[in-house]
Amino acid sequence: MDRSRVGIVIPAYNESATIAKIVAAALPYGMPIVVDDCSKDATASLAEAAGALVVRHQVNRGYDGALSSGFVKADEAGMEAVITMDADGQHNPGILKDYIALLETSADVVLGVRQRHQRISESIFAWTANLFYGIRDPLCGMKGYRMELFRELGHFDSYKSIGTELALFAAKRKRRIKQIDIHMADRQDGKPRFGKIVRANLIILRAMFIGLTRKPT
């Protein structure tokens, strides 16, 4: 698959410390599409200078809103595949080649599987998704998709699914899903994505309940 046909969607909020390095590392594999979710720092300008396509939000739309904007941009650019990854340095860009190889040959969706879960709700979601659909880590932020799947559903996210709606849609439609074990580095700033523990667990359990009970359209 030609790298010009692979979009690497990177949601980013105040990630000026890492974004240029992430973009530079991703460039050999595809076109980085950085969605600057109304950052207060130089995230957008640094990403652009490093070679990324940049989508700028004038108001903060959150993780799912940023990913959705990235998929729309990738669709407009005629991408064949999209891989999502974090801007904070936790995902190793070198593994992008493995995602691309699978999307090119044998998979509609490629899901990363982390070595550990940070919260009890993540473990519950993973156990339940594995029981019903064989998905071992639905909340891993590094996922790859063939774009016809996105076009079939018509959107990336409709209920704040924490990046899981399209993968669950694919599972319910019995599309080809491959999974890759990945190593997660620590966040440089040490800040969890969803904030306080109780609130984070409620957000994740809500996404799990809606995602696993919603019928595929």
C-alpha atoms as a PDB file:
ATOM      1  CA  MET A   1       0.000   0.000   0.000  1.00  0.00           C
ATOM      2  CA  ASP A   2       1.508   3.316  -1.041  1.00  0.00           C
ATOM      3  CA  ARG A   3       2.292   5.554   1.937  1.00  0.00           C
ATOM      4  CA  SER A   4       0.343   8.417   0.336  1.00  0.00           C
ATOM      5  CA  ARG A   5      -2.790   6.277   0.737  1.00  0.00           C
ATOM      6  CA  VAL A   6      -2.291   5.633   4.463  1.00  0.00           C
ATOM      7  CA  GLY A   7      -3.523   8.245   6.934  1.00  0.00           C
ATOM      8  CA  ILE A   8      -2.062   8.223  10.437  1.00  0.00           C
ATOM      9  CA  VAL A   9      -4.560  10.075  12.612  1.00  0.00           C
ATOM     10  CA  ILE A  10      -3.051  11.574  15.751  1.00  0.00           C
ATOM     11  CA  PRO A  11      -5.387  13.404  18.167  1.00  0.00           C
ATOM     12  CA  ALA A  12      -3.427  15.978  20.133  1.00  0.00           C
ATOM     13  CA  TYR A  13      -4.102  18.358  22.989  1.00  0.00           C
ATOM     14  CA  ASN A  14      -1.175  20.329  24.402  1.00  0.00           C
ATOM     15  CA  GLU A  15       1.396  17.825  23.121  1.00  0.00           C
ATOM     16  CA  SER A  16       4.116  20.264  22.032  1.00  0.00           C
ATOM     17  CA  ALA A  17       6.742  18.264  23.921  1.00  0.00           C
ATOM     18  CA  THR A  18       6.309  15.168  21.740  1.00  0.00           C
ATOM     19  CA  ILE A  19       4.290  15.940  18.602  1.00  0.00           C
ATOM     20  CA  ALA A  20       7.146  16.847  16.224  1.00  0.00           C
ATOM     21  CA  LYS A  21       9.027  13.666  17.108  1.00  0.00           C
ATOM     22  CA  ILE A  22       5.898  11.529  16.628  1.00  0.00           C
ATOM     23  CA  VAL A  23       5.116  13.095  13.254  1.00  0.00           C
ATOM     24  CA  ALA A  24       8.698  12.643  12.018  1.00  0.00           C
ATOM     25  CA  ALA A  25       8.683   8.987  13.077  1.00  0.00           C
ATOM     26  CA  ALA A  26       5.318   8.327  11.389  1.00  0.00           C
ATOM     27  CA  LEU A  27       6.118  10.037   8.076  1.00  0.00           C
ATOM     28  CA  PRO A  28       7.953   7.068   6.485  1.00  0.00           C
ATOM     29  CA  TYR A  29       4.798   4.960   6.824  1.00  0.00           C
ATOM     30  CA  GLY A  30       1.993   7.318   5.771  1.00  0.00           C
ATOM     31  CA  MET A  31       0.613  10.830   6.003  1.00  0.00           C
ATOM     32  CA  PRO A  32       0.278  12.018   9.609  1.00  0.00           C
ATOM     33  CA  ILE A  33      -3.004  13.848  10.196  1.00  0.00           C
ATOM     34  CA  VAL A  34      -2.722  15.700  13.479  1.00  0.00           C
ATOM     35  CA  VAL A  35      -5.971  16.942  14.964  1.00  0.00           C
ATOM     36  CA  ASP A  36      -5.133  19.818  17.277  1.00  0.00           C
ATOM     37  CA  ASP A  37      -8.021  19.815  19.743  1.00  0.00           C
ATOM     38  CA  CYS A  38      -7.857  23.508  20.684  1.00  0.00           C
ATOM     39  CA  SER A  39      -4.430  23.266  22.303  1.00  0.00           C
ATOM     40  CA  LYS A  40      -3.096  26.182  24.277  1.00  0.00           C
ATOM     41  CA  ASP A  41       0.495  25.524  23.227  1.00  0.00           C
ATOM     42  CA  ALA A  42       2.363  25.196  19.906  1.00  0.00           C
ATOM     43  CA  THR A  43       1.120  21.691  19.075  1.00  0.00           C
ATOM     44  CA  ALA A  44      -0.426  22.685  15.727  1.00  0.00           C
ATOM     45  CA  SER A  45       2.489  24.728  14.393  1.00  0.00           C
ATOM     46  CA  LEU A  46       5.069  22.148  15.461  1.00  0.00           C
ATOM     47  CA  ALA A  47       3.087  19.328  13.819  1.00  0.00           C
ATOM     48  CA  GLU A  48       2.751  21.287  10.591  1.00  0.00           C
ATOM     49  CA  ALA A  49       6.439  22.167  10.534  1.00  0.00           C
ATOM     50  CA  ALA A  50       7.277  18.473  10.990  1.00  0.00           C
ATOM     51  CA  GLY A  51       5.249  17.552   7.887  1.00  0.00           C
ATOM     52  CA  ALA A  52       1.757  16.680   9.118  1.00  0.00           C
ATOM     53  CA  LEU A  53      -1.602  17.662   7.745  1.00  0.00           C
ATOM     54  CA  VAL A  54      -3.167  19.600  10.603  1.00  0.00           C
ATOM     55  CA  VAL A  55      -6.841  19.927  11.471  1.00  0.00           C
ATOM     56  CA  ARG A  56      -7.481  22.688  14.011  1.00  0.00           C
ATOM     57  CA  HIS A  57     -10.432  22.687  16.406  1.00  0.00           C
ATOM     58  CA  GLN A  58     -11.584  26.087  17.618  1.00  0.00           C
ATOM     59  CA  VAL A  59     -13.223  24.441  20.639  1.00  0.00           C
ATOM     60  CA  ASN A  60     -12.137  21.316  22.473  1.00  0.00           C
ATOM     61  CA  ARG A  61     -14.145  18.309  21.220  1.00  0.00           C
ATOM     62  CA  GLY A  62     -12.461  15.577  23.209  1.00  0.00           C
ATOM     63  CA  TYR A  63     -10.798  12.351  22.134  1.00  0.00           C
ATOM     64  CA  ASP A  64     -13.615  10.975  19.976  1.00  0.00           C
ATOM     65  CA  GLY A  65     -14.297  14.343  18.384  1.00  0.00           C
ATOM     66  CA  ALA A  66     -10.637  14.654  17.410  1.00  0.00           C
ATOM     67  CA  LEU A  67     -10.542  11.160  15.932  1.00  0.00           C
ATOM     68  CA  SER A  68     -13.745  11.826  14.008  1.00  0.00           C
ATOM     69  CA  SER A  69     -12.258  14.957  12.442  1.00  0.00           C
ATOM     70  CA  GLY A  70      -9.164  13.003  11.487  1.00  0.00           C
ATOM     71  CA  PHE A  71     -11.217  10.361   9.700  1.00  0.00           C
ATOM     72  CA  VAL A  72     -13.178  13.006   7.817  1.00  0.00           C
ATOM     73  CA  LYS A  73      -9.898  14.557   6.667  1.00  0.00           C
ATOM     74  CA  ALA A  74      -8.553  11.154   5.620  1.00  0.00           C
ATOM     75  CA  ASP A  75     -11.747  10.464   3.690  1.00  0.00           C
ATOM     76  CA  GLU A  76     -11.487  13.817   1.909  1.00  0.00           C
ATOM     77  CA  ALA A  77      -7.905  12.955   0.976  1.00  0.00           C
ATOM     78  CA  GLY A  78      -8.982   9.598  -0.502  1.00  0.00           C
ATOM     79  CA  MET A  79      -7.009   7.436   1.917  1.00  0.00           C
ATOM     80  CA  GLU A  80      -7.318   3.660   1.626  1.00  0.00           C
ATOM     81  CA  ALA A  81      -6.493   3.011   5.283  1.00  0.00           C
ATOM     82  CA  VAL A  82      -6.192   4.894   8.558  1.00  0.00           C
ATOM     83  CA  ILE A  83      -4.182   4.043  11.644  1.00  0.00           C
ATOM     84  CA  THR A  84      -4.821   5.905  14.893  1.00  0.00           C
ATOM     85  CA  MET A  85      -2.066   6.528  17.407  1.00  0.00           C
ATOM     86  CA  ASP A  86      -1.441   8.740  20.411  1.00  0.00           C
ATOM     87  CA  ALA A  87       0.569  11.961  20.394  1.00  0.00           C
ATOM     88  CA  ASP A  88       2.201  11.427  23.782  1.00  0.00           C
ATOM     89  CA  GLY A  89       4.877   8.938  22.757  1.00  0.00           C
ATOM     90  CA  GLN A  90       3.255   5.831  24.251  1.00  0.00           C
ATOM     91  CA  HIS A  91       2.907   4.085  20.866  1.00  0.00           C
ATOM     92  CA  ASN A  92       5.988   2.958  18.945  1.00  0.00           C
ATOM     93  CA  PRO A  93       5.692   4.279  15.354  1.00  0.00           C
ATOM     94  CA  GLY A  94       7.927   1.447  14.140  1.00  0.00           C
ATOM     95  CA  ILE A  95       5.021  -0.990  14.470  1.00  0.00           C
ATOM     96  CA  LEU A  96       3.042   0.951  11.853  1.00  0.00           C
ATOM     97  CA  LYS A  97       4.610  -1.241   9.166  1.00  0.00           C
ATOM     98  CA  ASP A  98       2.977  -4.312  10.716  1.00  0.00           C
ATOM     99  CA  TYR A  99      -0.439  -2.638  10.752  1.00  0.00           C
ATOM    100  CA  ILE A 100      -0.065  -1.619   7.107  1.00  0.00           C
ATOM    101  CA  ALA A 101       1.003  -5.108   6.027  1.00  0.00           C
ATOM    102  CA  LEU A 102      -2.078  -6.667   7.628  1.00  0.00           C
ATOM    103  CA  LEU A 103      -4.476  -4.047   6.262  1.00  0.00           C
ATOM    104  CA  GLU A 104      -3.010  -4.574   2.811  1.00  0.00           C
ATOM    105  CA  THR A 105      -3.248  -8.361   2.818  1.00  0.00           C
ATOM    106  CA  SER A 106      -5.610  -9.909   5.333  1.00  0.00           C
ATOM    107  CA  ALA A 107      -7.484  -7.505   7.618  1.00  0.00           C
ATOM    108  CA  ASP A 108     -10.219  -4.890   7.596  1.00  0.00           C
ATOM    109  CA  VAL A 109      -9.289  -3.868  11.151  1.00  0.00           C
ATOM    110  CA  VAL A 110      -6.053  -4.231  13.109  1.00  0.00           C
ATOM    111  CA  LEU A 111      -6.226  -3.769  16.878  1.00  0.00           C
ATOM    112  CA  GLY A 112      -3.355  -3.223  19.270  1.00  0.00           C
ATOM    113  CA  VAL A 113      -3.302  -5.226  22.481  1.00  0.00           C
ATOM    114  CA  ARG A 114      -1.504  -3.646  25.445  1.00  0.00           C
ATOM    115  CA  GLN A 115       0.439  -5.591  28.038  1.00  0.00           C
ATOM    116  CA  ARG A 116      -1.654  -4.164  30.885  1.00  0.00           C
ATOM    117  CA  HIS A 117      -4.817  -2.182  31.620  1.00  0.00           C
ATOM    118  CA  GLN A 118      -4.725   0.943  33.757  1.00  0.00           C
ATOM    119  CA  ARG A 119      -8.236   0.687  35.261  1.00  0.00           C
ATOM    120  CA  ILE A 120     -10.637  -1.999  36.429  1.00  0.00           C
ATOM    121  CA  SER A 121     -13.235  -0.761  33.930  1.00  0.00           C
ATOM    122  CA  GLU A 122     -10.777  -1.342  31.071  1.00  0.00           C
ATOM    123  CA  SER A 123     -10.322  -4.928  32.209  1.00  0.00           C
ATOM    124  CA  ILE A 124     -14.094  -5.410  32.386  1.00  0.00           C
ATOM    125  CA  PHE A 125     -14.552  -3.955  28.894  1.00  0.00           C
ATOM    126  CA  ALA A 126     -11.738  -6.139  27.534  1.00  0.00           C
ATOM    127  CA  TRP A 127     -13.112  -9.309  29.174  1.00  0.00           C
ATOM    128  CA  THR A 128     -16.618  -8.665  27.847  1.00  0.00           C
ATOM    129  CA  ALA A 129     -15.510  -7.704  24.327  1.00  0.00           C
ATOM    130  CA  ASN A 130     -13.319 -10.798  24.187  1.00  0.00           C
ATOM    131  CA  LEU A 131     -16.195 -13.003  25.337  1.00  0.00           C
ATOM    132  CA  PHE A 132     -18.594 -11.732  22.668  1.00  0.00           C
ATOM    133  CA  TYR A 133     -16.315 -10.770  19.778  1.00  0.00           C
ATOM    134  CA  GLY A 134     -12.813 -12.034  20.472  1.00  0.00           C
ATOM    135  CA  ILE A 135     -11.517  -8.453  20.902  1.00  0.00           C
ATOM    136  CA  ARG A 136      -8.846  -8.554  23.606  1.00  0.00           C
ATOM    137  CA  ASP A 137      -8.257  -4.834  24.148  1.00  0.00           C
ATOM    138  CA  PRO A 138     -10.985  -2.590  22.692  1.00  0.00           C
ATOM    139  CA  LEU A 139      -9.587   0.563  24.330  1.00  0.00           C
ATOM    140  CA  CYS A 140      -6.075   0.466  22.913  1.00  0.00           C
ATOM    141  CA  GLY A 141      -5.607   3.749  21.042  1.00  0.00           C
ATOM    142  CA  MET A 142      -3.552   2.222  18.230  1.00  0.00           C
ATOM    143  CA  LYS A 143      -5.992   0.760  15.737  1.00  0.00           C
ATOM    144  CA  GLY A 144      -5.963   0.391  11.953  1.00  0.00           C
ATOM    145  CA  TYR A 145      -8.917   0.364   9.568  1.00  0.00           C
ATOM    146  CA  ARG A 146      -9.584   0.005   5.881  1.00  0.00           C
ATOM    147  CA  MET A 147     -11.501   3.126   4.948  1.00  0.00           C
ATOM    148  CA  GLU A 148     -14.394   1.336   3.271  1.00  0.00           C
ATOM    149  CA  LEU A 149     -15.460   0.298   6.774  1.00  0.00           C
ATOM    150  CA  PHE A 150     -15.667   3.941   7.865  1.00  0.00           C
ATOM    151  CA  ARG A 151     -17.595   4.798   4.706  1.00  0.00           C
ATOM    152  CA  GLU A 152     -19.954   1.886   5.314  1.00  0.00           C
ATOM    153  CA  LEU A 153     -20.826   3.059   8.829  1.00  0.00           C
ATOM    154  CA  GLY A 154     -20.884   6.711   7.761  1.00  0.00           C
ATOM    155  CA  HIS A 155     -19.021   8.099  10.775  1.00  0.00           C
ATOM    156  CA  PHE A 156     -16.289   7.221  13.246  1.00  0.00           C
ATOM    157  CA  ASP A 157     -18.083   7.896  16.512  1.00  0.00           C
ATOM    158  CA  SER A 158     -21.664   8.744  17.490  1.00  0.00           C
ATOM    159  CA  TYR A 159     -21.809   8.195  21.272  1.00  0.00           C
ATOM    160  CA  LYS A 160     -18.366   8.989  22.781  1.00  0.00           C
ATOM    161  CA  SER A 161     -17.225   5.413  22.438  1.00  0.00           C
ATOM    162  CA  ILE A 162     -13.565   6.113  23.373  1.00  0.00           C
ATOM    163  CA  GLY A 163     -12.517   5.039  19.911  1.00  0.00           C
ATOM    164  CA  THR A 164     -14.323   1.678  19.985  1.00  0.00           C
ATOM    165  CA  GLU A 165     -17.467   2.148  17.864  1.00  0.00           C
ATOM    166  CA  LEU A 166     -15.952   1.384  14.463  1.00  0.00           C
ATOM    167  CA  ALA A 167     -14.074  -1.680  15.723  1.00  0.00           C
ATOM    168  CA  LEU A 168     -17.216  -3.089  17.364  1.00  0.00           C
ATOM    169  CA  PHE A 169     -19.187  -2.340  14.197  1.00  0.00           C
ATOM    170  CA  ALA A 170     -16.648  -4.390  12.252  1.00  0.00           C
ATOM    171  CA  ALA A 171     -16.893  -7.272  14.728  1.00  0.00           C
ATOM    172  CA  LYS A 172     -20.690  -7.308  14.558  1.00  0.00           C
ATOM    173  CA  ARG A 173     -20.467  -7.342  10.758  1.00  0.00           C
ATOM    174  CA  LYS A 174     -18.000 -10.253  10.982  1.00  0.00           C
ATOM    175  CA  ARG A 175     -15.269  -8.372   9.152  1.00  0.00           C
ATOM    176  CA  ARG A 176     -11.662  -9.552   9.216  1.00  0.00           C
ATOM    177  CA  ILE A 177     -10.003  -8.485  12.477  1.00  0.00           C
ATOM    178  CA  LYS A 178      -6.352  -9.046  13.384  1.00  0.00           C
ATOM    179  CA  GLN A 179      -4.720  -8.203  16.714  1.00  0.00           C
ATOM    180  CA  ILE A 180      -1.127  -7.237  17.512  1.00  0.00           C
ATOM    181  CA  ASP A 181       0.564  -7.247  20.906  1.00  0.00           C
ATOM    182  CA  ILE A 182       2.188  -3.854  21.464  1.00  0.00           C
ATOM    183  CA  HIS A 183       4.404  -2.352  24.133  1.00  0.00           C
ATOM    184  CA  MET A 184       3.216   0.879  25.735  1.00  0.00           C
ATOM    185  CA  ALA A 185       5.760   3.428  26.942  1.00  0.00           C
ATOM    186  CA  ASP A 186       4.883   5.661  29.884  1.00  0.00           C
ATOM    187  CA  ARG A 187       3.336   9.071  29.211  1.00  0.00           C
ATOM    188  CA  GLN A 188       5.964  11.773  29.557  1.00  0.00           C
ATOM    189  CA  ASP A 189       3.650  14.077  31.508  1.00  0.00           C
ATOM    190  CA  GLY A 190       2.181  11.275  33.616  1.00  0.00           C
ATOM    191  CA  LYS A 191      -1.378  12.559  33.158  1.00  0.00           C
ATOM    192  CA  PRO A 192      -4.177  10.017  32.546  1.00  0.00           C
ATOM    193  CA  ARG A 193      -6.396  10.685  29.555  1.00  0.00           C
ATOM    194  CA  PHE A 194      -9.728  10.536  31.413  1.00  0.00           C
ATOM    195  CA  GLY A 195      -8.884  12.284  34.659  1.00  0.00           C
ATOM    196  CA  LYS A 196     -10.038  11.056  38.078  1.00  0.00           C
ATOM    197  CA  ILE A 197     -10.517   7.350  38.696  1.00  0.00           C
ATOM    198  CA  VAL A 198     -14.270   7.229  39.416  1.00  0.00           C
ATOM    199  CA  ARG A 199     -15.181   9.502  36.510  1.00  0.00           C
ATOM    200  CA  ALA A 200     -12.888   7.581  34.159  1.00  0.00           C
ATOM    201  CA  ASN A 201     -14.409   4.232  35.104  1.00  0.00           C
ATOM    202  CA  LEU A 202     -17.942   5.562  34.556  1.00  0.00           C
ATOM    203  CA  ILE A 203     -17.017   6.920  31.114  1.00  0.00           C
ATOM    204  CA  ILE A 204     -15.519   3.584  30.094  1.00  0.00           C
ATOM    205  CA  LEU A 205     -18.405   1.480  31.425  1.00  0.00           C
ATOM    206  CA  ARG A 206     -20.916   3.715  29.634  1.00  0.00           C
ATOM    207  CA  ALA A 207     -19.039   3.251  26.352  1.00  0.00           C
ATOM    208  CA  MET A 208     -18.934  -0.505  26.933  1.00  0.00           C
ATOM    209  CA  PHE A 209     -22.652  -0.800  27.625  1.00  0.00           C
ATOM    210  CA  ILE A 210     -23.695   1.237  24.565  1.00  0.00           C
ATOM    211  CA  GLY A 211     -21.145  -0.388  22.279  1.00  0.00           C
ATOM    212  CA  LEU A 212     -21.916  -3.976  23.174  1.00  0.00           C
ATOM    213  CA  THR A 213     -25.698  -3.611  23.182  1.00  0.00           C
ATOM    214  CA  ARG A 214     -26.140  -1.433  20.085  1.00  0.00           C
ATOM    215  CA  LYS A 215     -27.210  -3.335  16.978  1.00  0.00           C
ATOM    216  CA  PRO A 216     -25.103  -2.777  13.835  1.00  0.00           C
ATOM    217  CA  THR A 217     -26.797  -0.376  11.418  1.00  0.00           C
END
